[in-house]
Amino acid sequence: MPSLLALTLLVCGAVASLPLVVLRTVPKSQPPLAEQPLGSPHWIVEAPGDRWFVDGDAISRRDLANRLHQDGDQGLQHFLPSAALSMGDVKRSLQWLRHLSAHPVLLDLPEEGPS
């Protein structure tokens, strides 16, 4: 009889927690950074072949590293990787950018086209 009671409680607990398990979690958006005193935002784009662009201008990886390391008034950075890059490449690049920049670097993924 105690095993039947334990089994009943286990099944009831599992059924009660089922909505929490199956509900799709939606990522929360980041709080607006407008309250922070930052300069103008910059867009950093990485293309295949280790090609980099800042605000539409081509820049070498070394020059980008120097710029991120030395320029104190850059403000918020938006990192937009090419859709042709692997997730591993995107992760490494994002970590590298965040390590070098004194300001936040946000990942902006490319939007998919119409299907």
PDB file of N, CA and C in Angstrom:
ATOM      1  N   MET A   1       0.813  -1.197   0.000  1.00  0.00           N
ATOM      2  CA  MET A   1       0.000   0.000   0.000  1.00  0.00           C
ATOM      3  C   MET A   1       0.863   1.270   0.000  1.00  0.00           C
ATOM      4  N   PRO A   2       1.971   1.351   0.791  1.00  0.00           N
ATOM      5  CA  PRO A   2       2.796   2.565   0.739  1.00  0.00           C
ATOM      6  C   PRO A   2       3.402   2.797  -0.639  1.00  0.00           C
ATOM      7  N   SER A   3       3.718   1.716  -1.367  1.00  0.00           N
ATOM      8  CA  SER A   3       4.290   1.904  -2.702  1.00  0.00           C
ATOM      9  C   SER A   3       3.246   2.464  -3.674  1.00  0.00           C
ATOM     10  N   LEU A   4       1.997   2.078  -3.503  1.00  0.00           N
ATOM     11  CA  LEU A   4       0.923   2.621  -4.336  1.00  0.00           C
ATOM     12  C   LEU A   4       0.730   4.114  -4.057  1.00  0.00           C
ATOM     13  N   LEU A   5       0.814   4.481  -2.781  1.00  0.00           N
ATOM     14  CA  LEU A   5       0.698   5.891  -2.407  1.00  0.00           C
ATOM     15  C   LEU A   5       1.864   6.698  -2.980  1.00  0.00           C
ATOM     16  N   ALA A   6       3.078   6.151  -2.886  1.00  0.00           N
ATOM     17  CA  ALA A   6       4.255   6.835  -3.436  1.00  0.00           C
ATOM     18  C   ALA A   6       4.136   6.990  -4.949  1.00  0.00           C
ATOM     19  N   LEU A   7       3.686   5.950  -5.624  1.00  0.00           N
ATOM     20  CA  LEU A   7       3.504   6.014  -7.071  1.00  0.00           C
ATOM     21  C   LEU A   7       2.452   7.047  -7.452  1.00  0.00           C
ATOM     22  N   THR A   8       1.365   7.108  -6.703  1.00  0.00           N
ATOM     23  CA  THR A   8       0.308   8.086  -6.963  1.00  0.00           C
ATOM     24  C   THR A   8       0.838   9.506  -6.793  1.00  0.00           C
ATOM     25  N   LEU A   9       1.592   9.745  -5.730  1.00  0.00           N
ATOM     26  CA  LEU A   9       2.166  11.080  -5.510  1.00  0.00           C
ATOM     27  C   LEU A   9       3.170  11.444  -6.611  1.00  0.00           C
ATOM     28  N   LEU A  10       3.953  10.479  -7.039  1.00  0.00           N
ATOM     29  CA  LEU A  10       4.922  10.721  -8.106  1.00  0.00           C
ATOM     30  C   LEU A  10       4.216  11.088  -9.410  1.00  0.00           C
ATOM     31  N   VAL A  11       3.175  10.347  -9.770  1.00  0.00           N
ATOM     32  CA  VAL A  11       2.433  10.627 -11.000  1.00  0.00           C
ATOM     33  C   VAL A  11       1.750  11.988 -10.909  1.00  0.00           C
ATOM     34  N   CYS A  12       1.149  12.303  -9.753  1.00  0.00           N
ATOM     35  CA  CYS A  12       0.489  13.603  -9.591  1.00  0.00           C
ATOM     36  C   CYS A  12       1.493  14.751  -9.701  1.00  0.00           C
ATOM     37  N   GLY A  13       2.656  14.574  -9.110  1.00  0.00           N
ATOM     38  CA  GLY A  13       3.692  15.610  -9.205  1.00  0.00           C
ATOM     39  C   GLY A  13       4.179  15.804 -10.628  1.00  0.00           C
ATOM     40  N   ALA A  14       4.353  14.691 -11.343  1.00  0.00           N
ATOM     41  CA  ALA A  14       4.796  14.778 -12.733  1.00  0.00           C
ATOM     42  C   ALA A  14       3.756  15.470 -13.601  1.00  0.00           C
ATOM     43  N   VAL A  15       2.495  15.141 -13.397  1.00  0.00           N
ATOM     44  CA  VAL A  15       1.431  15.768 -14.180  1.00  0.00           C
ATOM     45  C   VAL A  15       1.322  17.257 -13.839  1.00  0.00           C
ATOM     46  N   ALA A  16       1.495  17.601 -12.567  1.00  0.00           N
ATOM     47  CA  ALA A  16       1.393  19.004 -12.164  1.00  0.00           C
ATOM     48  C   ALA A  16       2.542  19.835 -12.735  1.00  0.00           C
ATOM     49  N   SER A  17       3.714  19.243 -12.902  1.00  0.00           N
ATOM     50  CA  SER A  17       4.856  20.001 -13.422  1.00  0.00           C
ATOM     51  C   SER A  17       4.938  19.957 -14.939  1.00  0.00           C
ATOM     52  N   LEU A  18       4.095  19.212 -15.591  1.00  0.00           N
ATOM     53  CA  LEU A  18       4.116  19.076 -17.043  1.00  0.00           C
ATOM     54  C   LEU A  18       4.004  20.411 -17.791  1.00  0.00           C
ATOM     55  N   PRO A  19       3.121  21.329 -17.394  1.00  0.00           N
ATOM     56  CA  PRO A  19       3.056  22.612 -18.127  1.00  0.00           C
ATOM     57  C   PRO A  19       4.372  23.390 -18.083  1.00  0.00           C
ATOM     58  N   LEU A  20       5.097  23.312 -16.996  1.00  0.00           N
ATOM     59  CA  LEU A  20       6.370  24.015 -16.914  1.00  0.00           C
ATOM     60  C   LEU A  20       7.409  23.410 -17.839  1.00  0.00           C
ATOM     61  N   VAL A  21       7.322  22.114 -18.034  1.00  0.00           N
ATOM     62  CA  VAL A  21       8.297  21.419 -18.866  1.00  0.00           C
ATOM     63  C   VAL A  21       8.025  21.649 -20.352  1.00  0.00           C
ATOM     64  N   VAL A  22       6.771  21.636 -20.752  1.00  0.00           N
ATOM     65  CA  VAL A  22       6.453  21.728 -22.170  1.00  0.00           C
ATOM     66  C   VAL A  22       6.280  23.152 -22.677  1.00  0.00           C
ATOM     67  N   LEU A  23       6.116  24.112 -21.795  1.00  0.00           N
ATOM     68  CA  LEU A  23       5.975  25.485 -22.262  1.00  0.00           C
ATOM     69  C   LEU A  23       7.280  25.942 -22.904  1.00  0.00           C
ATOM     70  N   ARG A  24       7.150  26.572 -24.024  1.00  0.00           N
ATOM     71  CA  ARG A  24       8.313  27.079 -24.734  1.00  0.00           C
ATOM     72  C   ARG A  24       8.827  28.310 -24.022  1.00  0.00           C
ATOM     73  N   THR A  25      10.099  28.310 -23.720  1.00  0.00           N
ATOM     74  CA  THR A  25      10.675  29.481 -23.067  1.00  0.00           C
ATOM     75  C   THR A  25      11.050  30.502 -24.127  1.00  0.00           C
ATOM     76  N   VAL A  26      10.667  31.715 -23.914  1.00  0.00           N
ATOM     77  CA  VAL A  26      10.955  32.804 -24.838  1.00  0.00           C
ATOM     78  C   VAL A  26      12.077  33.637 -24.223  1.00  0.00           C
ATOM     79  N   PRO A  27      13.160  33.853 -24.969  1.00  0.00           N
ATOM     80  CA  PRO A  27      14.237  34.659 -24.417  1.00  0.00           C
ATOM     81  C   PRO A  27      13.750  36.065 -24.086  1.00  0.00           C
ATOM     82  N   LYS A  28      14.176  36.550 -22.962  1.00  0.00           N
ATOM     83  CA  LYS A  28      13.791  37.905 -22.564  1.00  0.00           C
ATOM     84  C   LYS A  28      14.707  38.898 -23.264  1.00  0.00           C
ATOM     85  N   SER A  29      14.114  39.978 -23.705  1.00  0.00           N
ATOM     86  CA  SER A  29      14.934  40.992 -24.343  1.00  0.00           C
ATOM     87  C   SER A  29      15.779  41.686 -23.288  1.00  0.00           C
ATOM     88  N   GLN A  30      16.899  42.194 -23.742  1.00  0.00           N
ATOM     89  CA  GLN A  30      17.790  42.868 -22.818  1.00  0.00           C
ATOM     90  C   GLN A  30      17.207  44.224 -22.454  1.00  0.00           C
ATOM     91  N   PRO A  31      17.469  44.678 -21.235  1.00  0.00           N
ATOM     92  CA  PRO A  31      16.954  45.986 -20.858  1.00  0.00           C
ATOM     93  C   PRO A  31      17.594  47.066 -21.720  1.00  0.00           C
ATOM     94  N   PRO A  32      16.872  48.127 -21.982  1.00  0.00           N
ATOM     95  CA  PRO A  32      17.448  49.192 -22.810  1.00  0.00           C
ATOM     96  C   PRO A  32      18.693  49.766 -22.146  1.00  0.00           C
ATOM     97  N   LEU A  33      19.678  50.013 -22.973  1.00  0.00           N
ATOM     98  CA  LEU A  33      20.935  50.550 -22.467  1.00  0.00           C
ATOM     99  C   LEU A  33      20.970  52.073 -22.565  1.00  0.00           C
ATOM    100  N   ALA A  34      19.826  52.682 -22.848  1.00  0.00           N
ATOM    101  CA  ALA A  34      19.782  54.133 -23.044  1.00  0.00           C
ATOM    102  C   ALA A  34      20.138  54.877 -21.768  1.00  0.00           C
ATOM    103  N   GLU A  35      19.897  54.260 -20.615  1.00  0.00           N
ATOM    104  CA  GLU A  35      20.191  54.950 -19.365  1.00  0.00           C
ATOM    105  C   GLU A  35      21.691  55.063 -19.125  1.00  0.00           C
ATOM    106  N   GLN A  36      22.466  54.199 -19.785  1.00  0.00           N
ATOM    107  CA  GLN A  36      23.907  54.220 -19.587  1.00  0.00           C
ATOM    108  C   GLN A  36      24.525  55.289 -20.471  1.00  0.00           C
ATOM    109  N   PRO A  37      25.496  56.028 -19.964  1.00  0.00           N
ATOM    110  CA  PRO A  37      26.133  57.069 -20.760  1.00  0.00           C
ATOM    111  C   PRO A  37      27.087  56.462 -21.787  1.00  0.00           C
ATOM    112  N   LEU A  38      26.561  56.124 -22.945  1.00  0.00           N
ATOM    113  CA  LEU A  38      27.375  55.536 -23.998  1.00  0.00           C
ATOM    114  C   LEU A  38      27.412  56.456 -25.201  1.00  0.00           C
ATOM    115  N   GLY A  39      28.453  56.310 -25.997  1.00  0.00           N
ATOM    116  CA  GLY A  39      28.551  57.076 -27.223  1.00  0.00           C
ATOM    117  C   GLY A  39      27.627  56.491 -28.272  1.00  0.00           C
ATOM    118  N   SER A  40      27.861  56.860 -29.512  1.00  0.00           N
ATOM    119  CA  SER A  40      27.006  56.350 -30.583  1.00  0.00           C
ATOM    120  C   SER A  40      27.312  54.874 -30.832  1.00  0.00           C
ATOM    121  N   PRO A  41      26.285  54.088 -31.155  1.00  0.00           N
ATOM    122  CA  PRO A  41      26.508  52.662 -31.392  1.00  0.00           C
ATOM    123  C   PRO A  41      27.263  52.425 -32.693  1.00  0.00           C
ATOM    124  N   HIS A  42      28.017  51.346 -32.730  1.00  0.00           N
ATOM    125  CA  HIS A  42      28.762  50.958 -33.920  1.00  0.00           C
ATOM    126  C   HIS A  42      28.342  49.560 -34.338  1.00  0.00           C
ATOM    127  N   TRP A  43      28.351  49.323 -35.640  1.00  0.00           N
ATOM    128  CA  TRP A  43      28.012  48.018 -36.187  1.00  0.00           C
ATOM    129  C   TRP A  43      29.285  47.351 -36.666  1.00  0.00           C
ATOM    130  N   ILE A  44      29.553  46.168 -36.109  1.00  0.00           N
ATOM    131  CA  ILE A  44      30.724  45.388 -36.498  1.00  0.00           C
ATOM    132  C   ILE A  44      30.216  44.153 -37.229  1.00  0.00           C
ATOM    133  N   VAL A  45      30.666  43.979 -38.467  1.00  0.00           N
ATOM    134  CA  VAL A  45      30.220  42.856 -39.289  1.00  0.00           C
ATOM    135  C   VAL A  45      31.422  41.968 -39.567  1.00  0.00           C
ATOM    136  N   GLU A  46      31.212  40.654 -39.394  1.00  0.00           N
ATOM    137  CA  GLU A  46      32.249  39.685 -39.758  1.00  0.00           C
ATOM    138  C   GLU A  46      31.746  38.880 -40.934  1.00  0.00           C
ATOM    139  N   ALA A  47      32.567  38.819 -41.985  1.00  0.00           N
ATOM    140  CA  ALA A  47      32.248  38.039 -43.177  1.00  0.00           C
ATOM    141  C   ALA A  47      33.201  36.855 -43.238  1.00  0.00           C
ATOM    142  N   PRO A  48      32.870  35.828 -44.020  1.00  0.00           N
ATOM    143  CA  PRO A  48      33.791  34.694 -44.156  1.00  0.00           C
ATOM    144  C   PRO A  48      35.158  35.151 -44.656  1.00  0.00           C
ATOM    145  N   GLY A  49      36.158  34.388 -44.301  1.00  0.00           N
ATOM    146  CA  GLY A  49      37.515  34.724 -44.733  1.00  0.00           C
ATOM    147  C   GLY A  49      38.179  35.746 -43.830  1.00  0.00           C
ATOM    148  N   ASP A  50      37.706  35.865 -42.588  1.00  0.00           N
ATOM    149  CA  ASP A  50      38.270  36.800 -41.613  1.00  0.00           C
ATOM    150  C   ASP A  50      38.245  38.240 -42.141  1.00  0.00           C
ATOM    151  N   ARG A  51      37.137  38.603 -42.788  1.00  0.00           N
ATOM    152  CA  ARG A  51      36.943  39.973 -43.266  1.00  0.00           C
ATOM    153  C   ARG A  51      36.030  40.692 -42.282  1.00  0.00           C
ATOM    154  N   TRP A  52      36.398  41.897 -41.907  1.00  0.00           N
ATOM    155  CA  TRP A  52      35.674  42.671 -40.899  1.00  0.00           C
ATOM    156  C   TRP A  52      35.286  44.031 -41.459  1.00  0.00           C
ATOM    157  N   PHE A  53      34.155  44.551 -40.977  1.00  0.00           N
ATOM    158  CA  PHE A  53      33.669  45.870 -41.372  1.00  0.00           C
ATOM    159  C   PHE A  53      33.140  46.572 -40.127  1.00  0.00           C
ATOM    160  N   VAL A  54      33.424  47.851 -40.009  1.00  0.00           N
ATOM    161  CA  VAL A  54      32.884  48.666 -38.918  1.00  0.00           C
ATOM    162  C   VAL A  54      32.129  49.818 -39.558  1.00  0.00           C
ATOM    163  N   ASP A  55      30.838  49.881 -39.277  1.00  0.00           N
ATOM    164  CA  ASP A  55      29.967  50.912 -39.835  1.00  0.00           C
ATOM    165  C   ASP A  55      30.087  50.992 -41.356  1.00  0.00           C
ATOM    166  N   GLY A  56      30.250  49.831 -42.005  1.00  0.00           N
ATOM    167  CA  GLY A  56      30.307  49.770 -43.460  1.00  0.00           C
ATOM    168  C   GLY A  56      31.680  49.903 -44.061  1.00  0.00           C
ATOM    169  N   ASP A  57      32.685  50.230 -43.274  1.00  0.00           N
ATOM    170  CA  ASP A  57      34.049  50.384 -43.783  1.00  0.00           C
ATOM    171  C   ASP A  57      34.870  49.142 -43.475  1.00  0.00           C
ATOM    172  N   ALA A  58      35.596  48.637 -44.478  1.00  0.00           N
ATOM    173  CA  ALA A  58      36.454  47.468 -44.281  1.00  0.00           C
ATOM    174  C   ALA A  58      37.587  47.817 -43.317  1.00  0.00           C
ATOM    175  N   ILE A  59      37.920  46.851 -42.457  1.00  0.00           N
ATOM    176  CA  ILE A  59      38.971  47.053 -41.468  1.00  0.00           C
ATOM    177  C   ILE A  59      39.645  45.713 -41.224  1.00  0.00           C
ATOM    178  N   SER A  60      40.948  45.742 -40.999  1.00  0.00           N
ATOM    179  CA  SER A  60      41.653  44.488 -40.719  1.00  0.00           C
ATOM    180  C   SER A  60      41.374  44.056 -39.283  1.00  0.00           C
ATOM    181  N   ARG A  61      41.589  42.782 -39.016  1.00  0.00           N
ATOM    182  CA  ARG A  61      41.351  42.245 -37.666  1.00  0.00           C
ATOM    183  C   ARG A  61      42.248  42.960 -36.644  1.00  0.00           C
ATOM    184  N   ARG A  62      43.491  43.222 -37.012  1.00  0.00           N
ATOM    185  CA  ARG A  62      44.433  43.888 -36.105  1.00  0.00           C
ATOM    186  C   ARG A  62      43.994  45.331 -35.843  1.00  0.00           C
ATOM    187  N   ASP A  63      43.566  46.047 -36.894  1.00  0.00           N
ATOM    188  CA  ASP A  63      43.098  47.422 -36.704  1.00  0.00           C
ATOM    189  C   ASP A  63      41.818  47.469 -35.866  1.00  0.00           C
ATOM    190  N   LEU A  64      40.950  46.476 -36.054  1.00  0.00           N
ATOM    191  CA  LEU A  64      39.737  46.406 -35.247  1.00  0.00           C
ATOM    192  C   LEU A  64      40.086  46.172 -33.783  1.00  0.00           C
ATOM    193  N   ALA A  65      41.021  45.282 -33.540  1.00  0.00           N
ATOM    194  CA  ALA A  65      41.447  45.013 -32.157  1.00  0.00           C
ATOM    195  C   ALA A  65      42.025  46.266 -31.520  1.00  0.00           C
ATOM    196  N   ASN A  66      42.863  46.995 -32.258  1.00  0.00           N
ATOM    197  CA  ASN A  66      43.436  48.236 -31.731  1.00  0.00           C
ATOM    198  C   ASN A  66      42.352  49.267 -31.455  1.00  0.00           C
ATOM    199  N   ARG A  67      41.398  49.363 -32.370  1.00  0.00           N
ATOM    200  CA  ARG A  67      40.318  50.340 -32.203  1.00  0.00           C
ATOM    201  C   ARG A  67      39.463  50.022 -30.976  1.00  0.00           C
ATOM    202  N   LEU A  68      39.108  48.751 -30.818  1.00  0.00           N
ATOM    203  CA  LEU A  68      38.299  48.366 -29.662  1.00  0.00           C
ATOM    204  C   LEU A  68      39.057  48.543 -28.356  1.00  0.00           C
ATOM    205  N   HIS A  69      40.338  48.276 -28.393  1.00  0.00           N
ATOM    206  CA  HIS A  69      41.148  48.349 -27.175  1.00  0.00           C
ATOM    207  C   HIS A  69      41.440  49.795 -26.760  1.00  0.00           C
ATOM    208  N   GLN A  70      41.617  50.679 -27.723  1.00  0.00           N
ATOM    209  CA  GLN A  70      42.081  52.031 -27.409  1.00  0.00           C
ATOM    210  C   GLN A  70      40.984  53.084 -27.384  1.00  0.00           C
ATOM    211  N   ASP A  71      39.972  52.939 -28.216  1.00  0.00           N
ATOM    212  CA  ASP A  71      38.960  53.988 -28.344  1.00  0.00           C
ATOM    213  C   ASP A  71      37.961  53.897 -27.199  1.00  0.00           C
ATOM    214  N   GLY A  72      38.013  54.860 -26.294  1.00  0.00           N
ATOM    215  CA  GLY A  72      37.173  54.819 -25.116  1.00  0.00           C
ATOM    216  C   GLY A  72      35.778  55.368 -25.305  1.00  0.00           C
ATOM    217  N   ASP A  73      35.502  56.114 -26.378  1.00  0.00           N
ATOM    218  CA  ASP A  73      34.186  56.743 -26.529  1.00  0.00           C
ATOM    219  C   ASP A  73      33.319  56.051 -27.573  1.00  0.00           C
ATOM    220  N   GLN A  74      33.626  54.806 -27.883  1.00  0.00           N
ATOM    221  CA  GLN A  74      32.888  54.123 -28.945  1.00  0.00           C
ATOM    222  C   GLN A  74      31.447  53.836 -28.595  1.00  0.00           C
ATOM    223  N   GLY A  75      31.171  53.525 -27.380  1.00  0.00           N
ATOM    224  CA  GLY A  75      29.797  53.210 -27.008  1.00  0.00           C
ATOM    225  C   GLY A  75      29.435  51.771 -27.318  1.00  0.00           C
ATOM    226  N   LEU A  76      28.162  51.543 -27.471  1.00  0.00           N
ATOM    227  CA  LEU A  76      27.613  50.215 -27.680  1.00  0.00           C
ATOM    228  C   LEU A  76      28.081  49.634 -29.009  1.00  0.00           C
ATOM    229  N   GLN A  77      28.398  48.339 -28.999  1.00  0.00           N
ATOM    230  CA  GLN A  77      28.841  47.652 -30.207  1.00  0.00           C
ATOM    231  C   GLN A  77      27.778  46.625 -30.601  1.00  0.00           C
ATOM    232  N   HIS A  78      27.393  46.605 -31.866  1.00  0.00           N
ATOM    233  CA  HIS A  78      26.485  45.585 -32.397  1.00  0.00           C
ATOM    234  C   HIS A  78      27.310  44.673 -33.289  1.00  0.00           C
ATOM    235  N   PHE A  79      27.359  43.392 -32.964  1.00  0.00           N
ATOM    236  CA  PHE A  79      28.105  42.416 -33.759  1.00  0.00           C
ATOM    237  C   PHE A  79      27.125  41.677 -34.658  1.00  0.00           C
ATOM    238  N   LEU A  80      27.303  41.805 -35.964  1.00  0.00           N
ATOM    239  CA  LEU A  80      26.437  41.158 -36.946  1.00  0.00           C
ATOM    240  C   LEU A  80      27.282  40.191 -37.770  1.00  0.00           C
ATOM    241  N   PRO A  81      27.282  38.894 -37.395  1.00  0.00           N
ATOM    242  CA  PRO A  81      28.076  37.928 -38.162  1.00  0.00           C
ATOM    243  C   PRO A  81      27.348  37.513 -39.434  1.00  0.00           C
ATOM    244  N   SER A  82      28.123  37.123 -40.423  1.00  0.00           N
ATOM    245  CA  SER A  82      27.542  36.613 -41.663  1.00  0.00           C
ATOM    246  C   SER A  82      26.822  35.301 -41.383  1.00  0.00           C
ATOM    247  N   ALA A  83      25.747  35.058 -42.104  1.00  0.00           N
ATOM    248  CA  ALA A  83      25.008  33.806 -41.959  1.00  0.00           C
ATOM    249  C   ALA A  83      25.828  32.623 -42.457  1.00  0.00           C
ATOM    250  N   ALA A  84      26.891  32.876 -43.210  1.00  0.00           N
ATOM    251  CA  ALA A  84      27.734  31.802 -43.723  1.00  0.00           C
ATOM    252  C   ALA A  84      28.718  31.285 -42.678  1.00  0.00           C
ATOM    253  N   LEU A  85      28.846  31.974 -41.543  1.00  0.00           N
ATOM    254  CA  LEU A  85      29.776  31.532 -40.496  1.00  0.00           C
ATOM    255  C   LEU A  85      29.131  30.455 -39.635  1.00  0.00           C
ATOM    256  N   SER A  86      29.968  29.558 -39.125  1.00  0.00           N
ATOM    257  CA  SER A  86      29.452  28.513 -38.235  1.00  0.00           C
ATOM    258  C   SER A  86      29.185  29.127 -36.857  1.00  0.00           C
ATOM    259  N   MET A  87      28.361  28.444 -36.073  1.00  0.00           N
ATOM    260  CA  MET A  87      28.057  28.943 -34.730  1.00  0.00           C
ATOM    261  C   MET A  87      29.317  28.984 -33.876  1.00  0.00           C
ATOM    262  N   GLY A  88      30.235  28.051 -34.094  1.00  0.00           N
ATOM    263  CA  GLY A  88      31.500  28.056 -33.365  1.00  0.00           C
ATOM    264  C   GLY A  88      32.317  29.308 -33.679  1.00  0.00           C
ATOM    265  N   ASP A  89      32.360  29.683 -34.961  1.00  0.00           N
ATOM    266  CA  ASP A  89      33.079  30.899 -35.359  1.00  0.00           C
ATOM    267  C   ASP A  89      32.431  32.134 -34.743  1.00  0.00           C
ATOM    268  N   VAL A  90      31.106  32.173 -34.752  1.00  0.00           N
ATOM    269  CA  VAL A  90      30.385  33.318 -34.181  1.00  0.00           C
ATOM    270  C   VAL A  90      30.671  33.420 -32.686  1.00  0.00           C
ATOM    271  N   LYS A  91      30.659  32.299 -31.999  1.00  0.00           N
ATOM    272  CA  LYS A  91      30.922  32.298 -30.554  1.00  0.00           C
ATOM    273  C   LYS A  91      32.325  32.798 -30.261  1.00  0.00           C
ATOM    274  N   ARG A  92      33.322  32.291 -30.991  1.00  0.00           N
ATOM    275  CA  ARG A  92      34.712  32.725 -30.766  1.00  0.00           C
ATOM    276  C   ARG A  92      34.874  34.219 -31.053  1.00  0.00           C
ATOM    277  N   SER A  93      34.277  34.688 -32.135  1.00  0.00           N
ATOM    278  CA  SER A  93      34.396  36.099 -32.487  1.00  0.00           C
ATOM    279  C   SER A  93      33.721  36.994 -31.452  1.00  0.00           C
ATOM    280  N   LEU A  94      32.545  36.573 -30.985  1.00  0.00           N
ATOM    281  CA  LEU A  94      31.832  37.362 -29.976  1.00  0.00           C
ATOM    282  C   LEU A  94      32.637  37.431 -28.677  1.00  0.00           C
ATOM    283  N   GLN A  95      33.208  36.322 -28.265  1.00  0.00           N
ATOM    284  CA  GLN A  95      34.047  36.324 -27.057  1.00  0.00           C
ATOM    285  C   GLN A  95      35.259  37.233 -27.256  1.00  0.00           C
ATOM    286  N   TRP A  96      35.864  37.184 -28.439  1.00  0.00           N
ATOM    287  CA  TRP A  96      37.026  38.015 -28.730  1.00  0.00           C
ATOM    288  C   TRP A  96      36.651  39.498 -28.672  1.00  0.00           C
ATOM    289  N   LEU A  97      35.523  39.857 -29.291  1.00  0.00           N
ATOM    290  CA  LEU A  97      35.079  41.250 -29.287  1.00  0.00           C
ATOM    291  C   LEU A  97      34.762  41.730 -27.873  1.00  0.00           C
ATOM    292  N   ARG A  98      34.084  40.904 -27.098  1.00  0.00           N
ATOM    293  CA  ARG A  98      33.738  41.290 -25.723  1.00  0.00           C
ATOM    294  C   ARG A  98      34.974  41.418 -24.845  1.00  0.00           C
ATOM    295  N   HIS A  99      35.984  40.621 -25.137  1.00  0.00           N
ATOM    296  CA  HIS A  99      37.232  40.701 -24.368  1.00  0.00           C
ATOM    297  C   HIS A  99      37.961  42.020 -24.653  1.00  0.00           C
ATOM    298  N   LEU A 100      37.903  42.476 -25.892  1.00  0.00           N
ATOM    299  CA  LEU A 100      38.641  43.677 -26.288  1.00  0.00           C
ATOM    300  C   LEU A 100      37.901  44.979 -25.998  1.00  0.00           C
ATOM    301  N   SER A 101      36.589  44.961 -26.057  1.00  0.00           N
ATOM    302  CA  SER A 101      35.806  46.192 -25.957  1.00  0.00           C
ATOM    303  C   SER A 101      35.537  46.570 -24.507  1.00  0.00           C
ATOM    304  N   ALA A 102      35.642  47.852 -24.225  1.00  0.00           N
ATOM    305  CA  ALA A 102      35.321  48.359 -22.894  1.00  0.00           C
ATOM    306  C   ALA A 102      33.816  48.571 -22.737  1.00  0.00           C
ATOM    307  N   HIS A 103      33.073  48.481 -23.831  1.00  0.00           N
ATOM    308  CA  HIS A 103      31.634  48.704 -23.817  1.00  0.00           C
ATOM    309  C   HIS A 103      30.906  47.416 -24.207  1.00  0.00           C
ATOM    310  N   PRO A 104      29.601  47.338 -23.958  1.00  0.00           N
ATOM    311  CA  PRO A 104      28.848  46.113 -24.295  1.00  0.00           C
ATOM    312  C   PRO A 104      28.889  45.806 -25.784  1.00  0.00           C
ATOM    313  N   VAL A 105      28.978  44.510 -26.085  1.00  0.00           N
ATOM    314  CA  VAL A 105      28.902  44.024 -27.460  1.00  0.00           C
ATOM    315  C   VAL A 105      27.674  43.125 -27.538  1.00  0.00           C
ATOM    316  N   LEU A 106      26.701  43.532 -28.334  1.00  0.00           N
ATOM    317  CA  LEU A 106      25.458  42.775 -28.481  1.00  0.00           C
ATOM    318  C   LEU A 106      25.490  41.976 -29.774  1.00  0.00           C
ATOM    319  N   LEU A 107      25.001  40.749 -29.716  1.00  0.00           N
ATOM    320  CA  LEU A 107      24.932  39.899 -30.897  1.00  0.00           C
ATOM    321  C   LEU A 107      23.632  40.183 -31.633  1.00  0.00           C
ATOM    322  N   ASP A 108      23.733  40.569 -32.888  1.00  0.00           N
ATOM    323  CA  ASP A 108      22.567  40.788 -33.742  1.00  0.00           C
ATOM    324  C   ASP A 108      22.647  39.763 -34.861  1.00  0.00           C
ATOM    325  N   LEU A 109      21.772  38.775 -34.807  1.00  0.00           N
ATOM    326  CA  LEU A 109      21.801  37.719 -35.813  1.00  0.00           C
ATOM    327  C   LEU A 109      21.122  38.182 -37.085  1.00  0.00           C
ATOM    328  N   PRO A 110      21.624  37.716 -38.245  1.00  0.00           N
ATOM    329  CA  PRO A 110      21.002  38.096 -39.511  1.00  0.00           C
ATOM    330  C   PRO A 110      19.577  37.577 -39.563  1.00  0.00           C
ATOM    331  N   GLU A 111      18.688  38.390 -40.084  1.00  0.00           N
ATOM    332  CA  GLU A 111      17.286  37.978 -40.223  1.00  0.00           C
ATOM    333  C   GLU A 111      17.151  37.083 -41.436  1.00  0.00           C
ATOM    334  N   GLU A 112      16.270  36.110 -41.315  1.00  0.00           N
ATOM    335  CA  GLU A 112      16.009  35.243 -42.457  1.00  0.00           C
ATOM    336  C   GLU A 112      15.126  35.967 -43.450  1.00  0.00           C
ATOM    337  N   GLY A 113      15.346  35.667 -44.693  1.00  0.00           N
ATOM    338  CA  GLY A 113      14.543  36.283 -45.740  1.00  0.00           C
ATOM    339  C   GLY A 113      13.150  35.688 -45.776  1.00  0.00           C
ATOM    340  N   PRO A 114      12.279  36.216 -46.614  1.00  0.00           N
ATOM    341  CA  PRO A 114      10.916  35.670 -46.701  1.00  0.00           C
ATOM    342  C   PRO A 114      10.953  34.233 -47.207  1.00  0.00           C
ATOM    343  N   SER A 115      10.067  33.414 -46.678  1.00  0.00           N
ATOM    344  CA  SER A 115      10.062  32.012 -47.094  1.00  0.00           C
ATOM    345  C   SER A 115       8.905  31.684 -47.997  1.00  0.00           C
TER     346      SER A 115
END
